[in-house]
Amino acid sequence: MENLIRELVELDKQKRLEIKKLEEEKSKLGSFLREERKRIESEYQAEAKKIYDKRKTEVDKIISDAQISTKVDFEKDLLDLNQTYEKNKEEWIETLYQYCIDSK
């Protein structure tokens, strides 16, 4: 009977130690989860920034190309307009002059 009591006391002691170790692991688990959360957030933010920067670069290039294209088109249209003006300037002046003279 004494052996049974000693075994029971020893078993109780072992189980208390196991419970203590599990409680320590449980307390460490909280800090581990917080650290993992920070690490995952950091990775997510880095990946999001990488995607954002890539897309921003693409959009900036599209805008730059559109500006260049628009400027080229504007310069071409302006040149065409100036050439048309120079070509027809005298005729238009004469037409306006005749209109003014004839309308009196």
C-alpha atoms as a PDB file:
ATOM      1  CA  MET A   1       0.000   0.000   0.000  1.00  0.00           C
ATOM      2  CA  GLU A   2       2.874   2.345   0.782  1.00  0.00           C
ATOM      3  CA  ASN A   3       4.287   1.632  -2.667  1.00  0.00           C
ATOM      4  CA  LEU A   4       0.987   2.564  -4.202  1.00  0.00           C
ATOM      5  CA  ILE A   5       0.896   5.839  -2.275  1.00  0.00           C
ATOM      6  CA  ARG A   6       4.525   6.607  -3.241  1.00  0.00           C
ATOM      7  CA  GLU A   7       3.778   5.818  -6.872  1.00  0.00           C
ATOM      8  CA  LEU A   8       0.690   7.968  -6.700  1.00  0.00           C
ATOM      9  CA  VAL A   9       2.640  10.865  -5.118  1.00  0.00           C
ATOM     10  CA  GLU A  10       5.425  10.434  -7.705  1.00  0.00           C
ATOM     11  CA  LEU A  11       2.899  10.326 -10.551  1.00  0.00           C
ATOM     12  CA  ASP A  12       1.217  13.457  -9.161  1.00  0.00           C
ATOM     13  CA  LYS A  13       4.617  15.184  -8.989  1.00  0.00           C
ATOM     14  CA  GLN A  14       5.414  14.241 -12.606  1.00  0.00           C
ATOM     15  CA  LYS A  15       2.059  15.420 -13.829  1.00  0.00           C
ATOM     16  CA  ARG A  16       2.431  18.723 -11.980  1.00  0.00           C
ATOM     17  CA  LEU A  17       5.811  19.223 -13.682  1.00  0.00           C
ATOM     18  CA  GLU A  18       4.258  18.364 -17.046  1.00  0.00           C
ATOM     19  CA  ILE A  19       1.443  20.841 -16.402  1.00  0.00           C
ATOM     20  CA  LYS A  20       3.992  23.509 -15.409  1.00  0.00           C
ATOM     21  CA  LYS A  21       5.960  22.895 -18.623  1.00  0.00           C
ATOM     22  CA  LEU A  22       2.746  23.074 -20.676  1.00  0.00           C
ATOM     23  CA  GLU A  23       1.775  26.342 -18.983  1.00  0.00           C
ATOM     24  CA  GLU A  24       5.223  27.767 -19.788  1.00  0.00           C
ATOM     25  CA  GLU A  25       4.832  26.678 -23.406  1.00  0.00           C
ATOM     26  CA  LYS A  26       1.377  28.230 -23.435  1.00  0.00           C
ATOM     27  CA  SER A  27       2.741  31.567 -22.192  1.00  0.00           C
ATOM     28  CA  LYS A  28       5.506  31.414 -24.821  1.00  0.00           C
ATOM     29  CA  LEU A  29       2.929  30.647 -27.489  1.00  0.00           C
ATOM     30  CA  GLY A  30       1.292  34.061 -27.018  1.00  0.00           C
ATOM     31  CA  SER A  31       4.539  35.921 -27.592  1.00  0.00           C
ATOM     32  CA  PHE A  32       5.377  33.598 -30.483  1.00  0.00           C
ATOM     33  CA  LEU A  33       2.034  34.368 -32.119  1.00  0.00           C
ATOM     34  CA  ARG A  34       2.574  38.111 -31.645  1.00  0.00           C
ATOM     35  CA  GLU A  35       6.017  37.863 -33.247  1.00  0.00           C
ATOM     36  CA  GLU A  36       4.654  35.770 -36.115  1.00  0.00           C
ATOM     37  CA  ARG A  37       1.859  38.269 -36.639  1.00  0.00           C
ATOM     38  CA  LYS A  38       4.384  41.118 -36.830  1.00  0.00           C
ATOM     39  CA  ARG A  39       6.549  39.114 -39.235  1.00  0.00           C
ATOM     40  CA  ILE A  40       3.587  38.244 -41.475  1.00  0.00           C
ATOM     41  CA  GLU A  41       2.359  41.862 -41.450  1.00  0.00           C
ATOM     42  CA  SER A  42       5.834  43.060 -42.340  1.00  0.00           C
ATOM     43  CA  GLU A  43       6.093  40.586 -45.221  1.00  0.00           C
ATOM     44  CA  TYR A  44       2.609  41.543 -46.441  1.00  0.00           C
ATOM     45  CA  GLN A  45       3.429  45.255 -46.316  1.00  0.00           C
ATOM     46  CA  ALA A  46       6.710  44.695 -48.149  1.00  0.00           C
ATOM     47  CA  GLU A  47       4.928  42.686 -50.859  1.00  0.00           C
ATOM     48  CA  ALA A  48       2.146  45.292 -51.119  1.00  0.00           C
ATOM     49  CA  LYS A  49       4.733  48.079 -51.446  1.00  0.00           C
ATOM     50  CA  LYS A  50       6.561  46.110 -54.124  1.00  0.00           C
ATOM     51  CA  ILE A  51       3.327  45.635 -56.106  1.00  0.00           C
ATOM     52  CA  TYR A  52       2.386  49.306 -55.590  1.00  0.00           C
ATOM     53  CA  ASP A  53       5.810  50.533 -56.736  1.00  0.00           C
ATOM     54  CA  LYS A  54       5.690  48.304 -59.814  1.00  0.00           C
ATOM     55  CA  ARG A  55       2.202  49.512 -60.752  1.00  0.00           C
ATOM     56  CA  LYS A  56       3.144  53.149 -60.075  1.00  0.00           C
ATOM     57  CA  THR A  57       6.141  52.785 -62.387  1.00  0.00           C
ATOM     58  CA  GLU A  58       3.899  51.328 -65.096  1.00  0.00           C
ATOM     59  CA  VAL A  59       1.333  54.119 -64.708  1.00  0.00           C
ATOM     60  CA  ASP A  60       4.040  56.793 -64.701  1.00  0.00           C
ATOM     61  CA  LYS A  61       5.431  55.353 -67.931  1.00  0.00           C
ATOM     62  CA  ILE A  62       1.973  55.301 -69.515  1.00  0.00           C
ATOM     63  CA  ILE A  63       1.427  58.929 -68.495  1.00  0.00           C
ATOM     64  CA  SER A  64       4.866  59.939 -69.750  1.00  0.00           C
ATOM     65  CA  ASP A  65       4.282  58.208 -73.085  1.00  0.00           C
ATOM     66  CA  ALA A  66       0.880  59.873 -73.403  1.00  0.00           C
ATOM     67  CA  GLN A  67       2.406  63.287 -72.674  1.00  0.00           C
ATOM     68  CA  ILE A  68       5.108  62.781 -75.284  1.00  0.00           C
ATOM     69  CA  SER A  69       2.587  61.546 -77.851  1.00  0.00           C
ATOM     70  CA  THR A  70       0.226  64.433 -77.141  1.00  0.00           C
ATOM     71  CA  LYS A  71       3.040  66.956 -77.396  1.00  0.00           C
ATOM     72  CA  VAL A  72       4.180  65.486 -80.727  1.00  0.00           C
ATOM     73  CA  ASP A  73       0.598  65.586 -82.039  1.00  0.00           C
ATOM     74  CA  PHE A  74       0.199  69.175 -80.814  1.00  0.00           C
ATOM     75  CA  GLU A  75       3.424  70.293 -82.483  1.00  0.00           C
ATOM     76  CA  LYS A  76       2.371  68.612 -85.732  1.00  0.00           C
ATOM     77  CA  ASP A  77      -1.095  70.177 -85.633  1.00  0.00           C
ATOM     78  CA  LEU A  78       0.387  73.582 -84.802  1.00  0.00           C
ATOM     79  CA  LEU A  79       2.784  73.312 -87.725  1.00  0.00           C
ATOM     80  CA  ASP A  80      -0.077  72.295 -90.044  1.00  0.00           C
ATOM     81  CA  LEU A  81      -2.160  75.215 -88.800  1.00  0.00           C
ATOM     82  CA  ASN A  82       0.687  77.696 -89.330  1.00  0.00           C
ATOM     83  CA  GLN A  83       1.336  76.340 -92.827  1.00  0.00           C
ATOM     84  CA  THR A  84      -2.353  76.594 -93.690  1.00  0.00           C
ATOM     85  CA  TYR A  85      -2.438  80.155 -92.350  1.00  0.00           C
ATOM     86  CA  GLU A  86       0.648  81.195 -94.292  1.00  0.00           C
ATOM     87  CA  LYS A  87      -0.663  79.528 -97.446  1.00  0.00           C
ATOM     88  CA  ASN A  88      -4.119  81.129 -97.270  1.00  0.00           C
ATOM     89  CA  LYS A  89      -3.392  84.363 -95.419  1.00  0.00           C
ATOM     90  CA  GLU A  90      -3.422  86.672 -98.450  1.00  0.00           C
ATOM     91  CA  GLU A  91      -6.539  85.048 -99.901  1.00  0.00           C
ATOM     92  CA  TRP A  92      -8.385  85.359 -96.588  1.00  0.00           C
ATOM     93  CA  ILE A  93      -7.363  89.005 -96.201  1.00  0.00           C
ATOM     94  CA  GLU A  94      -8.554  89.741 -99.712  1.00  0.00           C
ATOM     95  CA  THR A  95     -11.831  87.908 -99.112  1.00  0.00           C
ATOM     96  CA  LEU A  96     -12.477  89.845 -95.903  1.00  0.00           C
ATOM     97  CA  TYR A  97     -11.533  93.093 -97.544  1.00  0.00           C
ATOM     98  CA  GLN A  98     -13.912  92.463-100.450  1.00  0.00           C
ATOM     99  CA  TYR A  99     -16.687  91.509 -98.049  1.00  0.00           C
ATOM    100  CA  CYS A 100     -16.226  94.751 -96.141  1.00  0.00           C
ATOM    101  CA  ILE A 101     -16.135  96.824 -99.313  1.00  0.00           C
ATOM    102  CA  ASP A 102     -19.154  95.111-100.829  1.00  0.00           C
ATOM    103  CA  SER A 103     -21.252  95.360 -97.698  1.00  0.00           C
ATOM    104  CA  LYS A 104     -21.249  99.200 -97.671  1.00  0.00           C
END
